[in-house]
Amino acid sequence: MSLVRCFSLCMVQKINKQQIPVAILDPEMMSIVVMETEKKASVDYLAKALAWYSRKEYITFFHDNGNHWVLVVIIPKWNKVLYLDSLISQLHDFNLLKGVINKAYEKAKI
């Protein structure tokens, strides 16, 4: 988790410096562990981010589903979510993540 958080922070600095319309969220708040133990915290965090970054073209975060990292890209203006998974040949259950994203959208009202 520490390495992914450091990478995310480095990317945030680069994005801000180059004024790229992308937001990167904290991967810890969007991990399966936090979603299972503190689902409301993940929903609240994502809802605030969706509202705050609604003018960004992309809102991204790394999601740890317990044994594998996936990049999630939210495209607010298209109301779409992409899951970029390098292990596409293996089935992963994204139902909890989808539920958090859906509840966050409802709460953010965007």
PDB file of N, CA and C in Angstrom:
ATOM      1  N   MET A   1       0.831  -1.190   0.000  1.00  0.00           N
ATOM      2  CA  MET A   1       0.000   0.000   0.000  1.00  0.00           C
ATOM      3  C   MET A   1       0.872   1.249   0.000  1.00  0.00           C
ATOM      4  N   SER A   2       1.950   1.238   0.756  1.00  0.00           N
ATOM      5  CA  SER A   2       2.798   2.430   0.856  1.00  0.00           C
ATOM      6  C   SER A   2       3.365   2.844  -0.493  1.00  0.00           C
ATOM      7  N   LEU A   3       3.826   1.876  -1.267  1.00  0.00           N
ATOM      8  CA  LEU A   3       4.393   2.201  -2.580  1.00  0.00           C
ATOM      9  C   LEU A   3       3.335   2.768  -3.527  1.00  0.00           C
ATOM     10  N   VAL A   4       2.160   2.215  -3.484  1.00  0.00           N
ATOM     11  CA  VAL A   4       1.091   2.701  -4.363  1.00  0.00           C
ATOM     12  C   VAL A   4       0.664   4.105  -3.942  1.00  0.00           C
ATOM     13  N   ARG A   5       0.612   4.345  -2.639  1.00  0.00           N
ATOM     14  CA  ARG A   5       0.270   5.700  -2.170  1.00  0.00           C
ATOM     15  C   ARG A   5       1.345   6.703  -2.590  1.00  0.00           C
ATOM     16  N   CYS A   6       2.613   6.325  -2.459  1.00  0.00           N
ATOM     17  CA  CYS A   6       3.704   7.217  -2.884  1.00  0.00           C
ATOM     18  C   CYS A   6       3.627   7.506  -4.378  1.00  0.00           C
ATOM     19  N   PHE A   7       3.380   6.471  -5.164  1.00  0.00           N
ATOM     20  CA  PHE A   7       3.246   6.662  -6.605  1.00  0.00           C
ATOM     21  C   PHE A   7       2.077   7.593  -6.912  1.00  0.00           C
ATOM     22  N   SER A   8       0.957   7.393  -6.225  1.00  0.00           N
ATOM     23  CA  SER A   8      -0.218   8.253  -6.431  1.00  0.00           C
ATOM     24  C   SER A   8       0.107   9.702  -6.112  1.00  0.00           C
ATOM     25  N   LEU A   9       0.804   9.941  -5.011  1.00  0.00           N
ATOM     26  CA  LEU A   9       1.169  11.309  -4.639  1.00  0.00           C
ATOM     27  C   LEU A   9       2.108  11.937  -5.663  1.00  0.00           C
ATOM     28  N   CYS A  10       3.047  11.157  -6.175  1.00  0.00           N
ATOM     29  CA  CYS A  10       3.948  11.663  -7.231  1.00  0.00           C
ATOM     30  C   CYS A  10       3.150  12.039  -8.478  1.00  0.00           C
ATOM     31  N   MET A  11       2.197  11.212  -8.821  1.00  0.00           N
ATOM     32  CA  MET A  11       1.370  11.504  -9.991  1.00  0.00           C
ATOM     33  C   MET A  11       0.510  12.750  -9.769  1.00  0.00           C
ATOM     34  N   VAL A  12       0.011  12.939  -8.553  1.00  0.00           N
ATOM     35  CA  VAL A  12      -0.777  14.139  -8.245  1.00  0.00           C
ATOM     36  C   VAL A  12       0.072  15.382  -8.457  1.00  0.00           C
ATOM     37  N   GLN A  13       1.315  15.349  -7.988  1.00  0.00           N
ATOM     38  CA  GLN A  13       2.213  16.493  -8.168  1.00  0.00           C
ATOM     39  C   GLN A  13       2.446  16.770  -9.649  1.00  0.00           C
ATOM     40  N   LYS A  14       2.698  15.734 -10.413  1.00  0.00           N
ATOM     41  CA  LYS A  14       2.943  15.895 -11.849  1.00  0.00           C
ATOM     42  C   LYS A  14       1.698  16.432 -12.559  1.00  0.00           C
ATOM     43  N   ILE A  15       0.547  15.895 -12.216  1.00  0.00           N
ATOM     44  CA  ILE A  15      -0.717  16.327 -12.827  1.00  0.00           C
ATOM     45  C   ILE A  15      -0.993  17.790 -12.514  1.00  0.00           C
ATOM     46  N   ASN A  16      -0.793  18.166 -11.259  1.00  0.00           N
ATOM     47  CA  ASN A  16      -1.027  19.564 -10.876  1.00  0.00           C
ATOM     48  C   ASN A  16      -0.058  20.508 -11.572  1.00  0.00           C
ATOM     49  N   LYS A  17       1.189  20.104 -11.670  1.00  0.00           N
ATOM     50  CA  LYS A  17       2.205  20.937 -12.312  1.00  0.00           C
ATOM     51  C   LYS A  17       1.891  21.145 -13.791  1.00  0.00           C
ATOM     52  N   GLN A  18       1.437  20.095 -14.453  1.00  0.00           N
ATOM     53  CA  GLN A  18       1.153  20.170 -15.883  1.00  0.00           C
ATOM     54  C   GLN A  18      -0.305  20.527 -16.171  1.00  0.00           C
ATOM     55  N   GLN A  19      -1.084  20.758 -15.147  1.00  0.00           N
ATOM     56  CA  GLN A  19      -2.491  21.142 -15.266  1.00  0.00           C
ATOM     57  C   GLN A  19      -3.298  20.165 -16.140  1.00  0.00           C
ATOM     58  N   ILE A  20      -3.124  18.902 -15.866  1.00  0.00           N
ATOM     59  CA  ILE A  20      -3.856  17.854 -16.566  1.00  0.00           C
ATOM     60  C   ILE A  20      -5.196  17.661 -15.844  1.00  0.00           C
ATOM     61  N   PRO A  21      -6.310  17.553 -16.565  1.00  0.00           N
ATOM     62  CA  PRO A  21      -7.632  17.465 -15.932  1.00  0.00           C
ATOM     63  C   PRO A  21      -7.962  16.082 -15.356  1.00  0.00           C
ATOM     64  N   VAL A  22      -7.086  15.593 -14.489  1.00  0.00           N
ATOM     65  CA  VAL A  22      -7.249  14.277 -13.872  1.00  0.00           C
ATOM     66  C   VAL A  22      -7.109  14.420 -12.364  1.00  0.00           C
ATOM     67  N   ALA A  23      -7.938  13.704 -11.634  1.00  0.00           N
ATOM     68  CA  ALA A  23      -7.817  13.644 -10.180  1.00  0.00           C
ATOM     69  C   ALA A  23      -7.422  12.219  -9.798  1.00  0.00           C
ATOM     70  N   ILE A  24      -6.531  12.096  -8.817  1.00  0.00           N
ATOM     71  CA  ILE A  24      -6.122  10.787  -8.321  1.00  0.00           C
ATOM     72  C   ILE A  24      -6.483  10.713  -6.844  1.00  0.00           C
ATOM     73  N   LEU A  25      -7.215   9.675  -6.482  1.00  0.00           N
ATOM     74  CA  LEU A  25      -7.679   9.516  -5.106  1.00  0.00           C
ATOM     75  C   LEU A  25      -6.761   8.597  -4.312  1.00  0.00           C
ATOM     76  N   ASP A  26      -6.910   8.658  -3.006  1.00  0.00           N
ATOM     77  CA  ASP A  26      -6.113   7.843  -2.081  1.00  0.00           C
ATOM     78  C   ASP A  26      -6.502   6.362  -2.230  1.00  0.00           C
ATOM     79  N   PRO A  27      -5.553   5.498  -2.599  1.00  0.00           N
ATOM     80  CA  PRO A  27      -5.888   4.089  -2.806  1.00  0.00           C
ATOM     81  C   PRO A  27      -6.298   3.371  -1.517  1.00  0.00           C
ATOM     82  N   GLU A  28      -5.831   3.847  -0.382  1.00  0.00           N
ATOM     83  CA  GLU A  28      -6.202   3.175   0.874  1.00  0.00           C
ATOM     84  C   GLU A  28      -7.700   3.288   1.140  1.00  0.00           C
ATOM     85  N   MET A  29      -8.264   4.461   0.879  1.00  0.00           N
ATOM     86  CA  MET A  29      -9.699   4.660   1.123  1.00  0.00           C
ATOM     87  C   MET A  29     -10.564   3.822   0.182  1.00  0.00           C
ATOM     88  N   MET A  30      -9.984   3.404  -0.934  1.00  0.00           N
ATOM     89  CA  MET A  30     -10.748   2.649  -1.921  1.00  0.00           C
ATOM     90  C   MET A  30     -10.332   1.176  -1.967  1.00  0.00           C
ATOM     91  N   SER A  31      -9.636   0.711  -0.936  1.00  0.00           N
ATOM     92  CA  SER A  31      -9.217  -0.694  -0.888  1.00  0.00           C
ATOM     93  C   SER A  31     -10.354  -1.572  -0.385  1.00  0.00           C
ATOM     94  N   ILE A  32     -10.276  -2.838  -0.675  1.00  0.00           N
ATOM     95  CA  ILE A  32     -11.314  -3.779  -0.264  1.00  0.00           C
ATOM     96  C   ILE A  32     -11.410  -3.855   1.256  1.00  0.00           C
ATOM     97  N   VAL A  33     -10.289  -3.713   1.947  1.00  0.00           N
ATOM     98  CA  VAL A  33     -10.285  -3.787   3.407  1.00  0.00           C
ATOM     99  C   VAL A  33     -11.114  -2.654   4.007  1.00  0.00           C
ATOM    100  N   VAL A  34     -10.899  -1.434   3.531  1.00  0.00           N
ATOM    101  CA  VAL A  34     -11.658  -0.293   4.039  1.00  0.00           C
ATOM    102  C   VAL A  34     -13.123  -0.400   3.621  1.00  0.00           C
ATOM    103  N   MET A  35     -13.366  -0.839   2.397  1.00  0.00           N
ATOM    104  CA  MET A  35     -14.748  -0.975   1.931  1.00  0.00           C
ATOM    105  C   MET A  35     -15.520  -2.002   2.750  1.00  0.00           C
ATOM    106  N   GLU A  36     -14.861  -3.075   3.156  1.00  0.00           N
ATOM    107  CA  GLU A  36     -15.538  -4.110   3.945  1.00  0.00           C
ATOM    108  C   GLU A  36     -15.746  -3.687   5.394  1.00  0.00           C
ATOM    109  N   THR A  37     -14.780  -2.982   5.965  1.00  0.00           N
ATOM    110  CA  THR A  37     -14.862  -2.632   7.385  1.00  0.00           C
ATOM    111  C   THR A  37     -15.509  -1.275   7.645  1.00  0.00           C
ATOM    112  N   GLU A  38     -15.326  -0.342   6.700  1.00  0.00           N
ATOM    113  CA  GLU A  38     -15.857   1.009   6.859  1.00  0.00           C
ATOM    114  C   GLU A  38     -16.456   1.497   5.534  1.00  0.00           C
ATOM    115  N   LYS A  39     -17.450   0.789   5.068  1.00  0.00           N
ATOM    116  CA  LYS A  39     -18.034   1.089   3.760  1.00  0.00           C
ATOM    117  C   LYS A  39     -18.519   2.540   3.674  1.00  0.00           C
ATOM    118  N   LYS A  40     -19.140   3.028   4.740  1.00  0.00           N
ATOM    119  CA  LYS A  40     -19.643   4.396   4.744  1.00  0.00           C
ATOM    120  C   LYS A  40     -18.512   5.399   4.539  1.00  0.00           C
ATOM    121  N   ALA A  41     -17.349   5.139   5.120  1.00  0.00           N
ATOM    122  CA  ALA A  41     -16.200   6.034   4.957  1.00  0.00           C
ATOM    123  C   ALA A  41     -15.757   6.073   3.497  1.00  0.00           C
ATOM    124  N   SER A  42     -15.740   4.924   2.837  1.00  0.00           N
ATOM    125  CA  SER A  42     -15.372   4.880   1.416  1.00  0.00           C
ATOM    126  C   SER A  42     -16.397   5.607   0.562  1.00  0.00           C
ATOM    127  N   VAL A  43     -17.675   5.397   0.854  1.00  0.00           N
ATOM    128  CA  VAL A  43     -18.744   6.067   0.104  1.00  0.00           C
ATOM    129  C   VAL A  43     -18.640   7.574   0.296  1.00  0.00           C
ATOM    130  N   ASP A  44     -18.483   8.017   1.535  1.00  0.00           N
ATOM    131  CA  ASP A  44     -18.381   9.457   1.824  1.00  0.00           C
ATOM    132  C   ASP A  44     -17.167  10.074   1.142  1.00  0.00           C
ATOM    133  N   TYR A  45     -16.030   9.383   1.209  1.00  0.00           N
ATOM    134  CA  TYR A  45     -14.797   9.878   0.589  1.00  0.00           C
ATOM    135  C   TYR A  45     -14.985  10.041  -0.922  1.00  0.00           C
ATOM    136  N   LEU A  46     -15.541   9.011  -1.554  1.00  0.00           N
ATOM    137  CA  LEU A  46     -15.730   9.062  -3.008  1.00  0.00           C
ATOM    138  C   LEU A  46     -16.783  10.091  -3.395  1.00  0.00           C
ATOM    139  N   ALA A  47     -17.850  10.215  -2.616  1.00  0.00           N
ATOM    140  CA  ALA A  47     -18.886  11.211  -2.915  1.00  0.00           C
ATOM    141  C   ALA A  47     -18.310  12.626  -2.862  1.00  0.00           C
ATOM    142  N   LYS A  48     -17.498  12.903  -1.859  1.00  0.00           N
ATOM    143  CA  LYS A  48     -16.853  14.219  -1.762  1.00  0.00           C
ATOM    144  C   LYS A  48     -15.927  14.451  -2.949  1.00  0.00           C
ATOM    145  N   ALA A  49     -15.185  13.419  -3.322  1.00  0.00           N
ATOM    146  CA  ALA A  49     -14.269  13.547  -4.464  1.00  0.00           C
ATOM    147  C   ALA A  49     -15.044  13.778  -5.760  1.00  0.00           C
ATOM    148  N   LEU A  50     -16.148  13.066  -5.944  1.00  0.00           N
ATOM    149  CA  LEU A  50     -16.956  13.252  -7.151  1.00  0.00           C
ATOM    150  C   LEU A  50     -17.497  14.673  -7.235  1.00  0.00           C
ATOM    151  N   ALA A  51     -17.937  15.202  -6.115  1.00  0.00           N
ATOM    152  CA  ALA A  51     -18.445  16.576  -6.096  1.00  0.00           C
ATOM    153  C   ALA A  51     -17.321  17.585  -6.306  1.00  0.00           C
ATOM    154  N   TRP A  52     -16.205  17.381  -5.615  1.00  0.00           N
ATOM    155  CA  TRP A  52     -15.078  18.320  -5.673  1.00  0.00           C
ATOM    156  C   TRP A  52     -14.434  18.335  -7.056  1.00  0.00           C
ATOM    157  N   TYR A  53     -14.273  17.168  -7.648  1.00  0.00           N
ATOM    158  CA  TYR A  53     -13.567  17.049  -8.927  1.00  0.00           C
ATOM    159  C   TYR A  53     -14.527  16.885 -10.108  1.00  0.00           C
ATOM    160  N   SER A  54     -15.746  17.351  -9.998  1.00  0.00           N
ATOM    161  CA  SER A  54     -16.735  17.131 -11.057  1.00  0.00           C
ATOM    162  C   SER A  54     -16.338  17.759 -12.393  1.00  0.00           C
ATOM    163  N   ARG A  55     -15.465  18.761 -12.369  1.00  0.00           N
ATOM    164  CA  ARG A  55     -15.022  19.393 -13.624  1.00  0.00           C
ATOM    165  C   ARG A  55     -13.802  18.704 -14.245  1.00  0.00           C
ATOM    166  N   LYS A  56     -13.250  17.743 -13.545  1.00  0.00           N
ATOM    167  CA  LYS A  56     -12.122  16.985 -14.105  1.00  0.00           C
ATOM    168  C   LYS A  56     -12.651  16.021 -15.162  1.00  0.00           C
ATOM    169  N   GLU A  57     -11.819  15.731 -16.133  1.00  0.00           N
ATOM    170  CA  GLU A  57     -12.231  14.777 -17.168  1.00  0.00           C
ATOM    171  C   GLU A  57     -12.218  13.348 -16.642  1.00  0.00           C
ATOM    172  N   TYR A  58     -11.265  13.059 -15.746  1.00  0.00           N
ATOM    173  CA  TYR A  58     -11.122  11.714 -15.208  1.00  0.00           C
ATOM    174  C   TYR A  58     -10.846  11.783 -13.711  1.00  0.00           C
ATOM    175  N   ILE A  59     -11.432  10.863 -12.976  1.00  0.00           N
ATOM    176  CA  ILE A  59     -11.128  10.671 -11.566  1.00  0.00           C
ATOM    177  C   ILE A  59     -10.642   9.237 -11.459  1.00  0.00           C
ATOM    178  N   THR A  60      -9.428   9.061 -10.978  1.00  0.00           N
ATOM    179  CA  THR A  60      -8.834   7.728 -10.964  1.00  0.00           C
ATOM    180  C   THR A  60      -8.407   7.322  -9.562  1.00  0.00           C
ATOM    181  N   PHE A  61      -8.320   6.026  -9.370  1.00  0.00           N
ATOM    182  CA  PHE A  61      -7.735   5.493  -8.134  1.00  0.00           C
ATOM    183  C   PHE A  61      -7.352   4.038  -8.361  1.00  0.00           C
ATOM    184  N   PHE A  62      -6.390   3.612  -7.574  1.00  0.00           N
ATOM    185  CA  PHE A  62      -5.995   2.211  -7.576  1.00  0.00           C
ATOM    186  C   PHE A  62      -6.866   1.489  -6.554  1.00  0.00           C
ATOM    187  N   HIS A  63      -7.367   0.325  -6.924  1.00  0.00           N
ATOM    188  CA  HIS A  63      -8.216  -0.476  -6.036  1.00  0.00           C
ATOM    189  C   HIS A  63      -7.540  -1.814  -5.787  1.00  0.00           C
ATOM    190  N   ASP A  64      -7.337  -2.120  -4.519  1.00  0.00           N
ATOM    191  CA  ASP A  64      -6.775  -3.413  -4.110  1.00  0.00           C
ATOM    192  C   ASP A  64      -7.933  -4.320  -3.736  1.00  0.00           C
ATOM    193  N   ASN A  65      -8.161  -5.353  -4.515  1.00  0.00           N
ATOM    194  CA  ASN A  65      -9.275  -6.254  -4.219  1.00  0.00           C
ATOM    195  C   ASN A  65      -8.869  -7.393  -3.288  1.00  0.00           C
ATOM    196  N   GLY A  66      -7.726  -7.261  -2.649  1.00  0.00           N
ATOM    197  CA  GLY A  66      -7.258  -8.268  -1.705  1.00  0.00           C
ATOM    198  C   GLY A  66      -5.997  -8.979  -2.149  1.00  0.00           C
ATOM    199  N   ASN A  67      -5.864  -9.191  -3.444  1.00  0.00           N
ATOM    200  CA  ASN A  67      -4.659  -9.857  -3.943  1.00  0.00           C
ATOM    201  C   ASN A  67      -4.193  -9.329  -5.292  1.00  0.00           C
ATOM    202  N   HIS A  68      -4.822  -8.250  -5.753  1.00  0.00           N
ATOM    203  CA  HIS A  68      -4.492  -7.739  -7.083  1.00  0.00           C
ATOM    204  C   HIS A  68      -4.940  -6.279  -7.182  1.00  0.00           C
ATOM    205  N   TRP A  69      -4.109  -5.451  -7.809  1.00  0.00           N
ATOM    206  CA  TRP A  69      -4.432  -4.037  -7.989  1.00  0.00           C
ATOM    207  C   TRP A  69      -5.089  -3.808  -9.337  1.00  0.00           C
ATOM    208  N   VAL A  70      -6.103  -2.954  -9.344  1.00  0.00           N
ATOM    209  CA  VAL A  70      -6.828  -2.582 -10.547  1.00  0.00           C
ATOM    210  C   VAL A  70      -6.884  -1.066 -10.583  1.00  0.00           C
ATOM    211  N   LEU A  71      -6.737  -0.480 -11.757  1.00  0.00           N
ATOM    212  CA  LEU A  71      -6.905   0.954 -11.907  1.00  0.00           C
ATOM    213  C   LEU A  71      -8.363   1.224 -12.291  1.00  0.00           C
ATOM    214  N   VAL A  72      -9.008   2.098 -11.524  1.00  0.00           N
ATOM    215  CA  VAL A  72     -10.395   2.467 -11.785  1.00  0.00           C
ATOM    216  C   VAL A  72     -10.397   3.901 -12.298  1.00  0.00           C
ATOM    217  N   VAL A  73     -11.075   4.118 -13.412  1.00  0.00           N
ATOM    218  CA  VAL A  73     -11.165   5.443 -14.015  1.00  0.00           C
ATOM    219  C   VAL A  73     -12.643   5.818 -14.106  1.00  0.00           C
ATOM    220  N   ILE A  74     -12.996   6.916 -13.461  1.00  0.00           N
ATOM    221  CA  ILE A  74     -14.360   7.425 -13.522  1.00  0.00           C
ATOM    222  C   ILE A  74     -14.357   8.599 -14.506  1.00  0.00           C
ATOM    223  N   ILE A  75     -15.293   8.579 -15.446  1.00  0.00           N
ATOM    224  CA  ILE A  75     -15.428   9.651 -16.427  1.00  0.00           C
ATOM    225  C   ILE A  75     -16.763  10.343 -16.141  1.00  0.00           C
ATOM    226  N   PRO A  76     -16.742  11.408 -15.325  1.00  0.00           N
ATOM    227  CA  PRO A  76     -17.988  12.038 -14.882  1.00  0.00           C
ATOM    228  C   PRO A  76     -18.907  12.516 -16.007  1.00  0.00           C
ATOM    229  N   LYS A  77     -18.347  13.155 -17.049  1.00  0.00           N
ATOM    230  CA  LYS A  77     -19.225  13.715 -18.083  1.00  0.00           C
ATOM    231  C   LYS A  77     -19.932  12.634 -18.906  1.00  0.00           C
ATOM    232  N   TRP A  78     -19.407  11.432 -18.918  1.00  0.00           N
ATOM    233  CA  TRP A  78     -20.044  10.322 -19.620  1.00  0.00           C
ATOM    234  C   TRP A  78     -20.784   9.392 -18.669  1.00  0.00           C
ATOM    235  N   ASN A  79     -20.636   9.642 -17.359  1.00  0.00           N
ATOM    236  CA  ASN A  79     -21.263   8.792 -16.348  1.00  0.00           C
ATOM    237  C   ASN A  79     -20.818   7.331 -16.526  1.00  0.00           C
ATOM    238  N   LYS A  80     -19.501   7.148 -16.726  1.00  0.00           N
ATOM    239  CA  LYS A  80     -18.923   5.825 -16.976  1.00  0.00           C
ATOM    240  C   LYS A  80     -17.818   5.518 -15.973  1.00  0.00           C
ATOM    241  N   VAL A  81     -17.615   4.229 -15.732  1.00  0.00           N
ATOM    242  CA  VAL A  81     -16.527   3.751 -14.895  1.00  0.00           C
ATOM    243  C   VAL A  81     -15.805   2.654 -15.660  1.00  0.00           C
ATOM    244  N   LEU A  82     -14.473   2.776 -15.750  1.00  0.00           N
ATOM    245  CA  LEU A  82     -13.651   1.763 -16.411  1.00  0.00           C
ATOM    246  C   LEU A  82     -12.807   1.053 -15.363  1.00  0.00           C
ATOM    247  N   TYR A  83     -12.704  -0.264 -15.491  1.00  0.00           N
ATOM    248  CA  TYR A  83     -11.849  -1.062 -14.623  1.00  0.00           C
ATOM    249  C   TYR A  83     -10.715  -1.585 -15.496  1.00  0.00           C
ATOM    250  N   LEU A  84      -9.511  -1.084 -15.273  1.00  0.00           N
ATOM    251  CA  LEU A  84      -8.360  -1.506 -16.072  1.00  0.00           C
ATOM    252  C   LEU A  84      -7.618  -2.584 -15.295  1.00  0.00           C
ATOM    253  N   ASP A  85      -7.810  -3.807 -15.728  1.00  0.00           N
ATOM    254  CA  ASP A  85      -7.332  -4.987 -15.007  1.00  0.00           C
ATOM    255  C   ASP A  85      -6.374  -5.772 -15.894  1.00  0.00           C
ATOM    256  N   SER A  86      -5.120  -5.873 -15.459  1.00  0.00           N
ATOM    257  CA  SER A  86      -4.127  -6.600 -16.252  1.00  0.00           C
ATOM    258  C   SER A  86      -4.369  -8.106 -16.239  1.00  0.00           C
ATOM    259  N   LEU A  87      -5.161  -8.599 -15.302  1.00  0.00           N
ATOM    260  CA  LEU A  87      -5.485 -10.024 -15.234  1.00  0.00           C
ATOM    261  C   LEU A  87      -6.912 -10.260 -15.709  1.00  0.00           C
ATOM    262  N   ILE A  88      -7.236  -9.714 -16.847  1.00  0.00           N
ATOM    263  CA  ILE A  88      -8.593  -9.793 -17.369  1.00  0.00           C
ATOM    264  C   ILE A  88      -9.041 -11.245 -17.589  1.00  0.00           C
ATOM    265  N   SER A  89      -8.088 -12.152 -17.752  1.00  0.00           N
ATOM    266  CA  SER A  89      -8.453 -13.549 -17.980  1.00  0.00           C
ATOM    267  C   SER A  89      -9.005 -14.203 -16.712  1.00  0.00           C
ATOM    268  N   GLN A  90      -8.754 -13.594 -15.549  1.00  0.00           N
ATOM    269  CA  GLN A  90      -9.283 -14.130 -14.296  1.00  0.00           C
ATOM    270  C   GLN A  90     -10.512 -13.329 -13.878  1.00  0.00           C
ATOM    271  N   LEU A  91     -11.485 -14.016 -13.342  1.00  0.00           N
ATOM    272  CA  LEU A  91     -12.691 -13.347 -12.893  1.00  0.00           C
ATOM    273  C   LEU A  91     -12.461 -12.704 -11.528  1.00  0.00           C
ATOM    274  N   HIS A  92     -12.857 -11.451 -11.391  1.00  0.00           N
ATOM    275  CA  HIS A  92     -12.776 -10.745 -10.118  1.00  0.00           C
ATOM    276  C   HIS A  92     -14.163 -10.232  -9.773  1.00  0.00           C
ATOM    277  N   ASP A  93     -14.479 -10.256  -8.509  1.00  0.00           N
ATOM    278  CA  ASP A  93     -15.779  -9.768  -8.048  1.00  0.00           C
ATOM    279  C   ASP A  93     -15.666  -8.292  -7.709  1.00  0.00           C
ATOM    280  N   PHE A  94     -16.278  -7.449  -8.516  1.00  0.00           N
ATOM    281  CA  PHE A  94     -16.246  -6.006  -8.295  1.00  0.00           C
ATOM    282  C   PHE A  94     -17.571  -5.493  -7.720  1.00  0.00           C
ATOM    283  N   ASN A  95     -18.415  -6.385  -7.210  1.00  0.00           N
ATOM    284  CA  ASN A  95     -19.731  -5.971  -6.728  1.00  0.00           C
ATOM    285  C   ASN A  95     -19.649  -4.978  -5.573  1.00  0.00           C
ATOM    286  N   LEU A  96     -18.748  -5.199  -4.621  1.00  0.00           N
ATOM    287  CA  LEU A  96     -18.607  -4.264  -3.502  1.00  0.00           C
ATOM    288  C   LEU A  96     -18.156  -2.896  -4.009  1.00  0.00           C
ATOM    289  N   LEU A  97     -17.165  -2.886  -4.895  1.00  0.00           N
ATOM    290  CA  LEU A  97     -16.674  -1.635  -5.473  1.00  0.00           C
ATOM    291  C   LEU A  97     -17.781  -0.930  -6.260  1.00  0.00           C
ATOM    292  N   LYS A  98     -18.521  -1.666  -7.059  1.00  0.00           N
ATOM    293  CA  LYS A  98     -19.625  -1.081  -7.821  1.00  0.00           C
ATOM    294  C   LYS A  98     -20.667  -0.478  -6.881  1.00  0.00           C
ATOM    295  N   GLY A  99     -20.959  -1.174  -5.792  1.00  0.00           N
ATOM    296  CA  GLY A  99     -21.914  -0.667  -4.818  1.00  0.00           C
ATOM    297  C   GLY A  99     -21.457   0.638  -4.184  1.00  0.00           C
ATOM    298  N   VAL A 100     -20.170   0.713  -3.839  1.00  0.00           N
ATOM    299  CA  VAL A 100     -19.610   1.938  -3.258  1.00  0.00           C
ATOM    300  C   VAL A 100     -19.692   3.083  -4.268  1.00  0.00           C
ATOM    301  N   ILE A 101     -19.324   2.811  -5.507  1.00  0.00           N
ATOM    302  CA  ILE A 101     -19.362   3.853  -6.543  1.00  0.00           C
ATOM    303  C   ILE A 101     -20.800   4.323  -6.770  1.00  0.00           C
ATOM    304  N   ASN A 102     -21.740   3.398  -6.862  1.00  0.00           N
ATOM    305  CA  ASN A 102     -23.142   3.779  -7.074  1.00  0.00           C
ATOM    306  C   ASN A 102     -23.688   4.616  -5.921  1.00  0.00           C
ATOM    307  N   LYS A 103     -23.397   4.207  -4.683  1.00  0.00           N
ATOM    308  CA  LYS A 103     -23.870   4.984  -3.532  1.00  0.00           C
ATOM    309  C   LYS A 103     -23.220   6.355  -3.477  1.00  0.00           C
ATOM    310  N   ALA A 104     -21.935   6.432  -3.848  1.00  0.00           N
ATOM    311  CA  ALA A 104     -21.244   7.717  -3.865  1.00  0.00           C
ATOM    312  C   ALA A 104     -21.851   8.641  -4.897  1.00  0.00           C
ATOM    313  N   TYR A 105     -22.200   8.112  -6.067  1.00  0.00           N
ATOM    314  CA  TYR A 105     -22.855   8.920  -7.105  1.00  0.00           C
ATOM    315  C   TYR A 105     -24.199   9.460  -6.605  1.00  0.00           C
ATOM    316  N   GLU A 106     -24.973   8.580  -5.943  1.00  0.00           N
ATOM    317  CA  GLU A 106     -26.255   9.029  -5.402  1.00  0.00           C
ATOM    318  C   GLU A 106     -26.067  10.134  -4.370  1.00  0.00           C
ATOM    319  N   LYS A 107     -25.077   9.963  -3.518  1.00  0.00           N
ATOM    320  CA  LYS A 107     -24.831  10.936  -2.463  1.00  0.00           C
ATOM    321  C   LYS A 107     -24.295  12.261  -3.018  1.00  0.00           C
ATOM    322  N   ALA A 108     -23.436  12.176  -4.030  1.00  0.00           N
ATOM    323  CA  ALA A 108     -22.848  13.383  -4.619  1.00  0.00           C
ATOM    324  C   ALA A 108     -23.861  14.129  -5.485  1.00  0.00           C
ATOM    325  N   LYS A 109     -24.849  13.421  -5.998  1.00  0.00           N
ATOM    326  CA  LYS A 109     -25.905  14.005  -6.852  1.00  0.00           C
ATOM    327  C   LYS A 109     -25.325  14.768  -8.033  1.00  0.00           C
ATOM    328  N   ILE A 110     -24.424  14.094  -8.759  1.00  0.00           N
ATOM    329  CA  ILE A 110     -23.867  14.710  -9.963  1.00  0.00           C
ATOM    330  C   ILE A 110     -24.400  14.031 -11.198  1.00  0.00           C
TER     331      ILE A 110
END
